[in-house]
Amino acid sequence: MKMNMIIAGIFCLSIAAACDTDRRTAQNEGYQDTTATDQETVAIGEGGRIDSDTREFVNEAASGGMMEVELGKLAQEKATNQQVKDFGGMMVKDHGQANDRLKSIAQNKNIQLPTAMNEEHQEHVNRLRNLSGQEFDREYVNLMVEDHEEDISKFESMQGDVQDQELKQWIDSTLPTLRTHKERIDQIKNTIDNKRS
């Protein structure tokens, strides 16, 4: 009887010790996760804090920049209107430069940029790739008007919100280029619309 009680006591102590070990392990793992997150925030936050909204904006801008370059190449190849071709060339040059600058900033901030366009931007490219002639010109110009309106609005909105100084400078330097693009594509659209009427 006494032996049974001793065995039962040892058994209970073993269970208690195992539970305590599990509890400590869980606490340590939680601490390690938190530390990793804190280190990531510090690395990302050099020069200013980069929050989830800024990260989302940067990813969207990177994808949009890739789309502008790809569509610009298509315009140079497929457009029938010389103004549209020239505008496409401007997109390849200007957005290519903006993309390169953003990549450089992202590397400094440990931000992982997308390496391919998002689904929406890829769909625009796929759709226009299947068009030709004046239909391509018209659809490309309409998309560029709409896209630059949206981009300017997003960039202006983020201008006052971004904490990181390098990203803010990139936004400040890119906005005038977007406005120039918008002004030029509006002129081209008016020319094309007037020819149709």
N, C-alpha and C. Protein backbone atom coordinates (compact mmCIF):
# COMPACT_ATOMS: atom_id res chain seq x y z
N MET A 1 0.84 -1.20 0.00
CA MET A 1 0.00 0.00 0.00
C MET A 1 0.87 1.24 0.00
N LYS A 2 1.92 1.22 0.92
CA LYS A 2 2.80 2.37 1.02
C LYS A 2 3.55 2.56 -0.30
N MET A 3 3.93 1.44 -0.92
CA MET A 3 4.65 1.51 -2.20
C MET A 3 3.78 2.13 -3.29
N ASN A 4 2.50 1.77 -3.30
CA ASN A 4 1.57 2.35 -4.28
C ASN A 4 1.47 3.86 -4.12
N MET A 5 1.44 4.33 -2.86
CA MET A 5 1.33 5.77 -2.61
C MET A 5 2.58 6.49 -3.08
N ILE A 6 3.74 5.87 -2.88
CA ILE A 6 5.01 6.48 -3.33
C ILE A 6 5.03 6.60 -4.85
N ILE A 7 4.63 5.52 -5.51
CA ILE A 7 4.59 5.53 -6.99
C ILE A 7 3.62 6.58 -7.50
N ALA A 8 2.46 6.67 -6.85
CA ALA A 8 1.46 7.67 -7.26
C ALA A 8 2.02 9.08 -7.07
N GLY A 9 2.75 9.28 -5.96
CA GLY A 9 3.33 10.60 -5.69
C GLY A 9 4.36 10.97 -6.74
N ILE A 10 5.22 10.03 -7.09
CA ILE A 10 6.23 10.28 -8.13
C ILE A 10 5.56 10.60 -9.47
N PHE A 11 4.51 9.87 -9.78
CA PHE A 11 3.78 10.08 -11.02
C PHE A 11 3.22 11.50 -11.10
N CYS A 12 2.61 11.94 -9.98
CA CYS A 12 2.02 13.29 -9.94
C CYS A 12 3.09 14.36 -10.10
N LEU A 13 4.24 14.15 -9.43
CA LEU A 13 5.33 15.12 -9.55
C LEU A 13 5.86 15.19 -10.98
N SER A 14 5.92 14.04 -11.65
CA SER A 14 6.39 14.01 -13.05
C SER A 14 5.47 14.80 -13.96
N ILE A 15 4.16 14.62 -13.77
CA ILE A 15 3.17 15.35 -14.58
C ILE A 15 3.29 16.85 -14.34
N ALA A 16 3.41 17.25 -13.07
CA ALA A 16 3.52 18.67 -12.73
C ALA A 16 4.77 19.28 -13.36
N ALA A 17 5.87 18.56 -13.32
CA ALA A 17 7.12 19.07 -13.90
C ALA A 17 6.99 19.21 -15.41
N ALA A 18 6.35 18.23 -16.04
CA ALA A 18 6.16 18.28 -17.50
C ALA A 18 5.30 19.47 -17.88
N CYS A 19 4.24 19.71 -17.14
CA CYS A 19 3.35 20.85 -17.42
C CYS A 19 4.09 22.16 -17.27
N ASP A 20 4.92 22.25 -16.22
CA ASP A 20 5.68 23.48 -15.98
C ASP A 20 6.68 23.73 -17.11
N THR A 21 7.30 22.64 -17.60
CA THR A 21 8.25 22.76 -18.71
C THR A 21 7.54 23.27 -19.96
N ASP A 22 6.36 22.70 -20.24
CA ASP A 22 5.58 23.15 -21.40
C ASP A 22 5.23 24.62 -21.30
N ARG A 23 4.85 25.03 -20.05
CA ARG A 23 4.46 26.43 -19.85
C ARG A 23 5.66 27.36 -20.11
N ARG A 24 6.84 26.95 -19.60
CA ARG A 24 8.03 27.77 -19.79
C ARG A 24 8.43 27.83 -21.26
N THR A 25 8.33 26.68 -21.93
CA THR A 25 8.66 26.63 -23.36
C THR A 25 7.76 27.56 -24.15
N ALA A 26 6.47 27.52 -23.85
CA ALA A 26 5.51 28.40 -24.54
C ALA A 26 5.84 29.86 -24.29
N GLN A 27 6.20 30.17 -23.03
CA GLN A 27 6.55 31.56 -22.72
C GLN A 27 7.79 31.98 -23.47
N ASN A 28 8.79 31.10 -23.52
CA ASN A 28 10.03 31.42 -24.22
C ASN A 28 9.80 31.61 -25.71
N GLU A 29 8.98 30.73 -26.29
CA GLU A 29 8.69 30.86 -27.72
C GLU A 29 7.99 32.17 -28.00
N GLY A 30 7.05 32.54 -27.17
CA GLY A 30 6.36 33.82 -27.33
C GLY A 30 7.32 34.97 -27.23
N TYR A 31 8.24 34.89 -26.34
CA TYR A 31 9.24 35.95 -26.17
C TYR A 31 10.13 36.04 -27.40
N GLN A 32 10.55 34.87 -27.91
CA GLN A 32 11.39 34.87 -29.11
C GLN A 32 10.65 35.47 -30.29
N ASP A 33 9.38 35.14 -30.47
CA ASP A 33 8.60 35.70 -31.56
C ASP A 33 8.53 37.21 -31.45
N THR A 34 8.26 37.68 -30.23
CA THR A 34 8.16 39.12 -30.00
C THR A 34 9.49 39.80 -30.32
N THR A 35 10.58 39.18 -29.89
CA THR A 35 11.90 39.76 -30.15
C THR A 35 12.15 39.85 -31.64
N ALA A 36 11.81 38.78 -32.37
CA ALA A 36 12.01 38.79 -33.82
C ALA A 36 11.21 39.91 -34.45
N THR A 37 9.97 40.08 -34.00
CA THR A 37 9.12 41.12 -34.55
C THR A 37 9.70 42.50 -34.26
N ASP A 38 10.19 42.67 -33.02
CA ASP A 38 10.78 43.96 -32.65
C ASP A 38 12.01 44.26 -33.50
N GLN A 39 12.84 43.23 -33.73
CA GLN A 39 14.03 43.43 -34.55
C GLN A 39 13.64 43.81 -35.97
N GLU A 40 12.61 43.17 -36.50
CA GLU A 40 12.16 43.48 -37.85
C GLU A 40 11.67 44.92 -37.93
N THR A 41 10.93 45.34 -36.92
CA THR A 41 10.41 46.70 -36.91
C THR A 41 11.55 47.71 -36.88
N VAL A 42 12.58 47.42 -36.08
CA VAL A 42 13.73 48.33 -35.99
C VAL A 42 14.43 48.42 -37.34
N ALA A 43 14.65 47.25 -37.97
CA ALA A 43 15.35 47.23 -39.25
C ALA A 43 14.56 47.97 -40.31
N ILE A 44 13.26 47.75 -40.33
CA ILE A 44 12.41 48.40 -41.32
C ILE A 44 12.29 49.88 -41.04
N GLY A 45 12.33 50.23 -39.76
CA GLY A 45 12.02 51.59 -39.38
C GLY A 45 13.17 52.57 -39.42
N GLU A 46 14.34 52.19 -39.96
CA GLU A 46 15.45 53.14 -40.02
C GLU A 46 15.05 54.33 -40.88
N GLY A 47 15.16 55.53 -40.32
CA GLY A 47 14.77 56.73 -41.05
C GLY A 47 13.31 57.06 -40.90
N GLY A 48 12.55 56.28 -40.17
CA GLY A 48 11.13 56.53 -39.98
C GLY A 48 10.36 55.23 -39.96
N ARG A 49 9.26 55.22 -39.25
CA ARG A 49 8.46 54.00 -39.10
C ARG A 49 7.71 53.70 -40.39
N ILE A 50 7.70 52.43 -40.77
CA ILE A 50 6.96 51.99 -41.95
C ILE A 50 5.83 51.10 -41.48
N ASP A 51 4.62 51.63 -41.53
CA ASP A 51 3.46 50.89 -41.04
C ASP A 51 2.83 50.08 -42.17
N SER A 52 1.75 49.39 -41.86
CA SER A 52 1.12 48.50 -42.84
C SER A 52 0.54 49.28 -44.02
N ASP A 53 0.01 50.48 -43.78
CA ASP A 53 -0.52 51.29 -44.88
C ASP A 53 0.58 51.70 -45.85
N THR A 54 1.71 52.09 -45.30
CA THR A 54 2.85 52.48 -46.14
C THR A 54 3.36 51.29 -46.93
N ARG A 55 3.45 50.14 -46.26
CA ARG A 55 3.90 48.92 -46.94
C ARG A 55 2.95 48.56 -48.09
N GLU A 56 1.65 48.67 -47.84
CA GLU A 56 0.66 48.37 -48.88
C GLU A 56 0.80 49.34 -50.05
N PHE A 57 1.00 50.62 -49.74
CA PHE A 57 1.20 51.64 -50.78
C PHE A 57 2.43 51.33 -51.62
N VAL A 58 3.52 50.97 -50.96
CA VAL A 58 4.77 50.67 -51.67
C VAL A 58 4.60 49.47 -52.59
N ASN A 59 3.93 48.43 -52.12
CA ASN A 59 3.68 47.25 -52.95
C ASN A 59 2.81 47.59 -54.16
N GLU A 60 1.78 48.39 -53.92
CA GLU A 60 0.89 48.81 -55.00
C GLU A 60 1.64 49.67 -56.02
N ALA A 61 2.47 50.58 -55.52
CA ALA A 61 3.25 51.45 -56.40
C ALA A 61 4.24 50.65 -57.24
N ALA A 62 4.86 49.65 -56.63
CA ALA A 62 5.81 48.80 -57.36
C ALA A 62 5.11 48.02 -58.47
N SER A 63 3.96 47.46 -58.15
CA SER A 63 3.19 46.72 -59.15
C SER A 63 2.71 47.65 -60.26
N GLY A 64 2.20 48.82 -59.87
CA GLY A 64 1.74 49.79 -60.85
C GLY A 64 2.86 50.28 -61.75
N GLY A 65 4.04 50.46 -61.17
CA GLY A 65 5.19 50.88 -61.97
C GLY A 65 5.56 49.84 -63.01
N MET A 66 5.52 48.58 -62.62
CA MET A 66 5.80 47.50 -63.57
C MET A 66 4.77 47.49 -64.70
N MET A 67 3.50 47.72 -64.34
CA MET A 67 2.45 47.75 -65.35
C MET A 67 2.68 48.89 -66.33
N GLU A 68 3.03 50.08 -65.82
CA GLU A 68 3.25 51.24 -66.69
C GLU A 68 4.36 50.97 -67.69
N VAL A 69 5.43 50.35 -67.24
CA VAL A 69 6.55 50.04 -68.13
C VAL A 69 6.13 49.02 -69.18
N GLU A 70 5.45 47.97 -68.75
CA GLU A 70 5.03 46.92 -69.69
C GLU A 70 4.04 47.46 -70.72
N LEU A 71 3.09 48.26 -70.27
CA LEU A 71 2.11 48.85 -71.20
C LEU A 71 2.78 49.87 -72.11
N GLY A 72 3.77 50.58 -71.58
CA GLY A 72 4.51 51.53 -72.41
C GLY A 72 5.22 50.83 -73.56
N LYS A 73 5.79 49.67 -73.28
CA LYS A 73 6.44 48.88 -74.34
C LYS A 73 5.42 48.43 -75.38
N LEU A 74 4.25 48.01 -74.89
CA LEU A 74 3.18 47.61 -75.83
C LEU A 74 2.76 48.78 -76.70
N ALA A 75 2.65 49.97 -76.11
CA ALA A 75 2.25 51.16 -76.86
C ALA A 75 3.27 51.48 -77.95
N GLN A 76 4.54 51.36 -77.62
CA GLN A 76 5.58 51.62 -78.62
C GLN A 76 5.49 50.63 -79.78
N GLU A 77 5.06 49.44 -79.48
CA GLU A 77 5.00 48.37 -80.48
C GLU A 77 3.69 48.38 -81.27
N LYS A 78 2.55 48.62 -80.59
CA LYS A 78 1.24 48.37 -81.21
C LYS A 78 0.46 49.63 -81.60
N ALA A 79 0.78 50.77 -81.01
CA ALA A 79 -0.02 51.97 -81.26
C ALA A 79 0.11 52.43 -82.70
N THR A 80 -0.99 52.97 -83.24
CA THR A 80 -0.96 53.54 -84.59
C THR A 80 -0.74 55.05 -84.55
N ASN A 81 -1.10 55.67 -83.45
CA ASN A 81 -0.94 57.11 -83.27
C ASN A 81 0.46 57.39 -82.72
N GLN A 82 1.21 58.28 -83.40
CA GLN A 82 2.58 58.55 -82.99
C GLN A 82 2.66 59.17 -81.60
N GLN A 83 1.67 59.98 -81.25
CA GLN A 83 1.66 60.58 -79.91
C GLN A 83 1.53 59.50 -78.83
N VAL A 84 0.73 58.49 -79.13
CA VAL A 84 0.56 57.38 -78.18
C VAL A 84 1.86 56.59 -78.06
N LYS A 85 2.52 56.36 -79.20
CA LYS A 85 3.82 55.67 -79.18
C LYS A 85 4.83 56.44 -78.32
N ASP A 86 4.88 57.75 -78.55
CA ASP A 86 5.83 58.59 -77.81
C ASP A 86 5.51 58.59 -76.31
N PHE A 87 4.23 58.62 -75.99
CA PHE A 87 3.83 58.58 -74.59
C PHE A 87 4.27 57.26 -73.95
N GLY A 88 4.11 56.17 -74.71
CA GLY A 88 4.56 54.87 -74.22
C GLY A 88 6.04 54.87 -73.90
N GLY A 89 6.83 55.51 -74.77
CA GLY A 89 8.27 55.62 -74.53
C GLY A 89 8.57 56.40 -73.26
N MET A 90 7.79 57.46 -73.03
CA MET A 90 7.96 58.26 -71.82
C MET A 90 7.64 57.42 -70.58
N MET A 91 6.63 56.56 -70.67
CA MET A 91 6.27 55.70 -69.54
C MET A 91 7.40 54.72 -69.21
N VAL A 92 7.98 54.13 -70.26
CA VAL A 92 9.07 53.17 -70.04
C VAL A 92 10.23 53.86 -69.33
N LYS A 93 10.59 55.04 -69.80
CA LYS A 93 11.73 55.76 -69.24
C LYS A 93 11.45 56.24 -67.81
N ASP A 94 10.36 57.00 -67.64
CA ASP A 94 10.09 57.65 -66.35
C ASP A 94 9.74 56.64 -65.26
N HIS A 95 8.86 55.69 -65.59
CA HIS A 95 8.47 54.71 -64.58
C HIS A 95 9.58 53.69 -64.33
N GLY A 96 10.39 53.44 -65.34
CA GLY A 96 11.55 52.58 -65.13
C GLY A 96 12.50 53.19 -64.11
N GLN A 97 12.75 54.49 -64.24
CA GLN A 97 13.62 55.19 -63.28
C GLN A 97 13.00 55.22 -61.89
N ALA A 98 11.70 55.50 -61.81
CA ALA A 98 11.01 55.53 -60.51
C ALA A 98 11.04 54.15 -59.85
N ASN A 99 10.86 53.11 -60.66
CA ASN A 99 10.90 51.73 -60.14
C ASN A 99 12.27 51.40 -59.55
N ASP A 100 13.32 51.80 -60.28
CA ASP A 100 14.69 51.52 -59.81
C ASP A 100 14.97 52.23 -58.49
N ARG A 101 14.51 53.47 -58.38
CA ARG A 101 14.72 54.23 -57.15
C ARG A 101 13.97 53.59 -55.98
N LEU A 102 12.73 53.15 -56.24
CA LEU A 102 11.94 52.50 -55.20
C LEU A 102 12.59 51.20 -54.74
N LYS A 103 13.13 50.43 -55.69
CA LYS A 103 13.82 49.18 -55.34
C LYS A 103 15.00 49.45 -54.41
N SER A 104 15.75 50.50 -54.73
CA SER A 104 16.90 50.86 -53.92
C SER A 104 16.49 51.23 -52.49
N ILE A 105 15.43 52.03 -52.38
CA ILE A 105 14.92 52.42 -51.06
C ILE A 105 14.44 51.19 -50.30
N ALA A 106 13.70 50.32 -50.99
CA ALA A 106 13.14 49.12 -50.35
C ALA A 106 14.24 48.22 -49.80
N GLN A 107 15.34 48.09 -50.53
CA GLN A 107 16.46 47.27 -50.05
C GLN A 107 17.04 47.86 -48.77
N ASN A 108 17.15 49.18 -48.73
CA ASN A 108 17.67 49.85 -47.52
C ASN A 108 16.76 49.64 -46.32
N LYS A 109 15.45 49.49 -46.57
CA LYS A 109 14.47 49.38 -45.49
C LYS A 109 14.07 47.93 -45.20
N ASN A 110 14.70 46.98 -45.90
CA ASN A 110 14.32 45.57 -45.74
C ASN A 110 12.87 45.32 -46.11
N ILE A 111 12.38 46.04 -47.10
CA ILE A 111 11.01 45.82 -47.60
C ILE A 111 11.10 44.89 -48.80
N GLN A 112 10.32 43.82 -48.76
CA GLN A 112 10.30 42.86 -49.87
C GLN A 112 9.28 43.33 -50.90
N LEU A 113 9.74 43.86 -52.02
CA LEU A 113 8.83 44.31 -53.07
C LEU A 113 8.36 43.13 -53.90
N PRO A 114 7.17 43.25 -54.50
CA PRO A 114 6.72 42.18 -55.40
C PRO A 114 7.62 42.11 -56.63
N THR A 115 7.82 40.92 -57.13
CA THR A 115 8.65 40.74 -58.33
C THR A 115 7.79 40.62 -59.58
N ALA A 116 6.47 40.61 -59.40
CA ALA A 116 5.54 40.55 -60.53
C ALA A 116 4.34 41.43 -60.21
N MET A 117 3.62 41.80 -61.24
CA MET A 117 2.43 42.63 -61.08
C MET A 117 1.35 41.90 -60.29
N ASN A 118 0.50 42.66 -59.62
CA ASN A 118 -0.65 42.04 -58.97
C ASN A 118 -1.67 41.64 -60.03
N GLU A 119 -2.68 40.95 -59.62
CA GLU A 119 -3.65 40.37 -60.56
C GLU A 119 -4.34 41.44 -61.40
N GLU A 120 -4.75 42.52 -60.76
CA GLU A 120 -5.46 43.59 -61.48
C GLU A 120 -4.57 44.20 -62.56
N HIS A 121 -3.34 44.52 -62.22
CA HIS A 121 -2.43 45.13 -63.20
C HIS A 121 -2.10 44.16 -64.33
N GLN A 122 -1.93 42.89 -64.00
CA GLN A 122 -1.63 41.89 -65.03
C GLN A 122 -2.81 41.73 -65.99
N GLU A 123 -4.02 41.83 -65.46
CA GLU A 123 -5.21 41.73 -66.32
C GLU A 123 -5.27 42.88 -67.32
N HIS A 124 -4.89 44.08 -66.90
CA HIS A 124 -4.84 45.22 -67.82
C HIS A 124 -3.85 44.95 -68.96
N VAL A 125 -2.69 44.43 -68.61
CA VAL A 125 -1.68 44.12 -69.62
C VAL A 125 -2.18 43.05 -70.57
N ASN A 126 -2.76 42.00 -70.04
CA ASN A 126 -3.27 40.90 -70.87
C ASN A 126 -4.36 41.39 -71.82
N ARG A 127 -5.24 42.24 -71.31
CA ARG A 127 -6.35 42.74 -72.14
C ARG A 127 -5.82 43.59 -73.30
N LEU A 128 -4.91 44.50 -73.00
CA LEU A 128 -4.39 45.39 -74.05
C LEU A 128 -3.48 44.66 -75.02
N ARG A 129 -2.85 43.61 -74.57
CA ARG A 129 -1.98 42.82 -75.44
C ARG A 129 -2.78 42.20 -76.59
N ASN A 130 -4.06 41.95 -76.35
CA ASN A 130 -4.91 41.32 -77.36
C ASN A 130 -5.60 42.33 -78.28
N LEU A 131 -5.34 43.62 -78.08
CA LEU A 131 -5.94 44.66 -78.93
C LEU A 131 -4.91 45.15 -79.94
N SER A 132 -5.42 45.82 -80.98
CA SER A 132 -4.52 46.38 -81.99
C SER A 132 -5.17 47.60 -82.64
N GLY A 133 -4.37 48.32 -83.41
CA GLY A 133 -4.88 49.46 -84.17
C GLY A 133 -5.45 50.57 -83.29
N GLN A 134 -6.47 51.22 -83.81
CA GLN A 134 -7.08 52.34 -83.10
C GLN A 134 -7.76 51.91 -81.81
N GLU A 135 -8.23 50.66 -81.78
CA GLU A 135 -8.84 50.16 -80.55
C GLU A 135 -7.81 50.11 -79.43
N PHE A 136 -6.59 49.68 -79.77
CA PHE A 136 -5.53 49.68 -78.76
C PHE A 136 -5.25 51.10 -78.30
N ASP A 137 -5.09 52.01 -79.26
CA ASP A 137 -4.80 53.41 -78.91
C ASP A 137 -5.84 53.95 -77.92
N ARG A 138 -7.10 53.75 -78.25
CA ARG A 138 -8.19 54.29 -77.44
C ARG A 138 -8.20 53.69 -76.03
N GLU A 139 -8.09 52.37 -75.95
CA GLU A 139 -8.14 51.69 -74.65
C GLU A 139 -6.90 52.01 -73.80
N TYR A 140 -5.77 52.08 -74.45
CA TYR A 140 -4.54 52.41 -73.71
C TYR A 140 -4.63 53.83 -73.14
N VAL A 141 -5.06 54.77 -73.96
CA VAL A 141 -5.17 56.16 -73.51
C VAL A 141 -6.18 56.28 -72.37
N ASN A 142 -7.32 55.64 -72.52
CA ASN A 142 -8.34 55.69 -71.45
C ASN A 142 -7.81 55.12 -70.14
N LEU A 143 -7.08 54.01 -70.24
CA LEU A 143 -6.51 53.40 -69.04
C LEU A 143 -5.47 54.31 -68.40
N MET A 144 -4.65 54.95 -69.22
CA MET A 144 -3.61 55.84 -68.70
C MET A 144 -4.21 57.06 -68.00
N VAL A 145 -5.30 57.58 -68.55
CA VAL A 145 -5.99 58.71 -67.91
C VAL A 145 -6.49 58.28 -66.53
N GLU A 146 -7.19 57.16 -66.51
CA GLU A 146 -7.77 56.65 -65.26
C GLU A 146 -6.69 56.28 -64.25
N ASP A 147 -5.65 55.60 -64.72
CA ASP A 147 -4.60 55.12 -63.82
C ASP A 147 -3.82 56.29 -63.20
N HIS A 148 -3.53 57.31 -64.01
CA HIS A 148 -2.77 58.44 -63.47
C HIS A 148 -3.61 59.29 -62.52
N GLU A 149 -4.90 59.35 -62.75
CA GLU A 149 -5.78 60.03 -61.78
C GLU A 149 -5.71 59.32 -60.43
N GLU A 150 -5.81 58.01 -60.46
CA GLU A 150 -5.77 57.22 -59.22
C GLU A 150 -4.40 57.33 -58.55
N ASP A 151 -3.34 57.25 -59.35
CA ASP A 151 -1.99 57.32 -58.78
C ASP A 151 -1.73 58.66 -58.10
N ILE A 152 -2.11 59.73 -58.76
CA ILE A 152 -1.91 61.06 -58.18
C ILE A 152 -2.66 61.18 -56.86
N SER A 153 -3.89 60.68 -56.84
CA SER A 153 -4.69 60.73 -55.61
C SER A 153 -4.02 59.94 -54.49
N LYS A 154 -3.53 58.74 -54.80
CA LYS A 154 -2.87 57.90 -53.78
C LYS A 154 -1.58 58.54 -53.28
N PHE A 155 -0.79 59.07 -54.20
CA PHE A 155 0.48 59.68 -53.82
C PHE A 155 0.24 60.92 -52.96
N GLU A 156 -0.74 61.73 -53.34
CA GLU A 156 -1.05 62.92 -52.55
C GLU A 156 -1.54 62.54 -51.16
N SER A 157 -2.33 61.48 -51.09
CA SER A 157 -2.85 61.02 -49.81
C SER A 157 -1.73 60.54 -48.89
N MET A 158 -0.74 59.85 -49.47
CA MET A 158 0.35 59.30 -48.67
C MET A 158 1.41 60.35 -48.33
N GLN A 159 1.42 61.44 -49.06
CA GLN A 159 2.47 62.45 -48.90
C GLN A 159 2.61 62.92 -47.45
N GLY A 160 1.48 63.13 -46.80
CA GLY A 160 1.52 63.61 -45.42
C GLY A 160 1.56 62.51 -44.38
N ASP A 161 1.34 61.26 -44.82
CA ASP A 161 1.25 60.15 -43.86
C ASP A 161 2.55 59.37 -43.70
N VAL A 162 3.37 59.35 -44.74
CA VAL A 162 4.59 58.53 -44.70
C VAL A 162 5.58 59.12 -43.70
N GLN A 163 6.07 58.27 -42.79
CA GLN A 163 7.02 58.71 -41.77
C GLN A 163 8.47 58.64 -42.27
N ASP A 164 8.74 57.66 -43.13
CA ASP A 164 10.10 57.46 -43.60
C ASP A 164 10.52 58.57 -44.57
N GLN A 165 11.67 59.18 -44.32
CA GLN A 165 12.10 60.34 -45.11
C GLN A 165 12.48 59.98 -46.54
N GLU A 166 13.12 58.84 -46.74
CA GLU A 166 13.49 58.43 -48.10
C GLU A 166 12.25 58.17 -48.96
N LEU A 167 11.28 57.49 -48.37
CA LEU A 167 10.04 57.23 -49.11
C LEU A 167 9.29 58.52 -49.39
N LYS A 168 9.30 59.43 -48.43
CA LYS A 168 8.62 60.71 -48.61
C LYS A 168 9.28 61.49 -49.75
N GLN A 169 10.60 61.48 -49.80
CA GLN A 169 11.31 62.16 -50.89
C GLN A 169 10.99 61.52 -52.24
N TRP A 170 10.87 60.18 -52.24
CA TRP A 170 10.51 59.49 -53.48
C TRP A 170 9.12 59.90 -53.94
N ILE A 171 8.18 59.97 -53.02
CA ILE A 171 6.82 60.41 -53.35
C ILE A 171 6.84 61.84 -53.87
N ASP A 172 7.56 62.71 -53.16
CA ASP A 172 7.64 64.12 -53.54
C ASP A 172 8.24 64.30 -54.94
N SER A 173 9.22 63.49 -55.28
CA SER A 173 9.87 63.62 -56.59
C SER A 173 9.08 62.93 -57.70
N THR A 174 8.28 61.94 -57.34
CA THR A 174 7.50 61.19 -58.35
C THR A 174 6.21 61.91 -58.72
N LEU A 175 5.62 62.61 -57.76
CA LEU A 175 4.33 63.27 -58.00
C LEU A 175 4.36 64.24 -59.19
N PRO A 176 5.35 65.13 -59.31
CA PRO A 176 5.36 66.04 -60.46
C PRO A 176 5.42 65.30 -61.80
N THR A 177 6.13 64.17 -61.82
CA THR A 177 6.21 63.35 -63.03
C THR A 177 4.84 62.78 -63.37
N LEU A 178 4.12 62.29 -62.36
CA LEU A 178 2.77 61.76 -62.59
C LEU A 178 1.84 62.84 -63.11
N ARG A 179 1.96 64.04 -62.57
CA ARG A 179 1.11 65.16 -63.02
C ARG A 179 1.43 65.54 -64.46
N THR A 180 2.71 65.50 -64.82
CA THR A 180 3.11 65.77 -66.21
C THR A 180 2.53 64.72 -67.14
N HIS A 181 2.60 63.47 -66.72
CA HIS A 181 2.02 62.38 -67.51
C HIS A 181 0.52 62.59 -67.70
N LYS A 182 -0.16 62.95 -66.62
CA LYS A 182 -1.61 63.14 -66.68
C LYS A 182 -1.97 64.27 -67.63
N GLU A 183 -1.23 65.35 -67.56
CA GLU A 183 -1.48 66.49 -68.45
C GLU A 183 -1.28 66.09 -69.91
N ARG A 184 -0.22 65.34 -70.17
CA ARG A 184 0.08 64.92 -71.54
C ARG A 184 -0.95 63.93 -72.06
N ILE A 185 -1.34 62.96 -71.25
CA ILE A 185 -2.30 61.96 -71.73
C ILE A 185 -3.68 62.57 -71.93
N ASP A 186 -4.02 63.59 -71.14
CA ASP A 186 -5.28 64.31 -71.36
C ASP A 186 -5.27 64.99 -72.72
N GLN A 187 -4.14 65.59 -73.09
CA GLN A 187 -4.02 66.24 -74.40
C GLN A 187 -4.18 65.23 -75.52
N ILE A 188 -3.52 64.09 -75.37
CA ILE A 188 -3.61 63.04 -76.39
C ILE A 188 -5.03 62.52 -76.51
N LYS A 189 -5.69 62.33 -75.38
CA LYS A 189 -7.08 61.86 -75.39
C LYS A 189 -7.98 62.85 -76.12
N ASN A 190 -7.80 64.13 -75.85
CA ASN A 190 -8.61 65.15 -76.53
C ASN A 190 -8.38 65.12 -78.03
N THR A 191 -7.13 64.94 -78.45
CA THR A 191 -6.81 64.87 -79.88
C THR A 191 -7.50 63.68 -80.53
N ILE A 192 -7.41 62.52 -79.89
CA ILE A 192 -8.03 61.31 -80.43
C ILE A 192 -9.55 61.45 -80.46
N ASP A 193 -10.14 61.98 -79.40
CA ASP A 193 -11.60 62.15 -79.34
C ASP A 193 -12.08 63.12 -80.40
N ASN A 194 -11.32 64.19 -80.65
CA ASN A 194 -11.71 65.18 -81.65
C ASN A 194 -11.66 64.61 -83.06
N LYS A 195 -10.73 63.71 -83.30
CA LYS A 195 -10.63 63.07 -84.61
C LYS A 195 -11.82 62.15 -84.87
N ARG A 196 -12.34 61.55 -83.80
CA ARG A 196 -13.47 60.63 -83.94
C ARG A 196 -14.78 61.38 -84.15
N SER A 197 -14.89 62.61 -83.64
CA SER A 197 -16.17 63.33 -83.70
C SER A 197 -16.31 64.13 -85.00
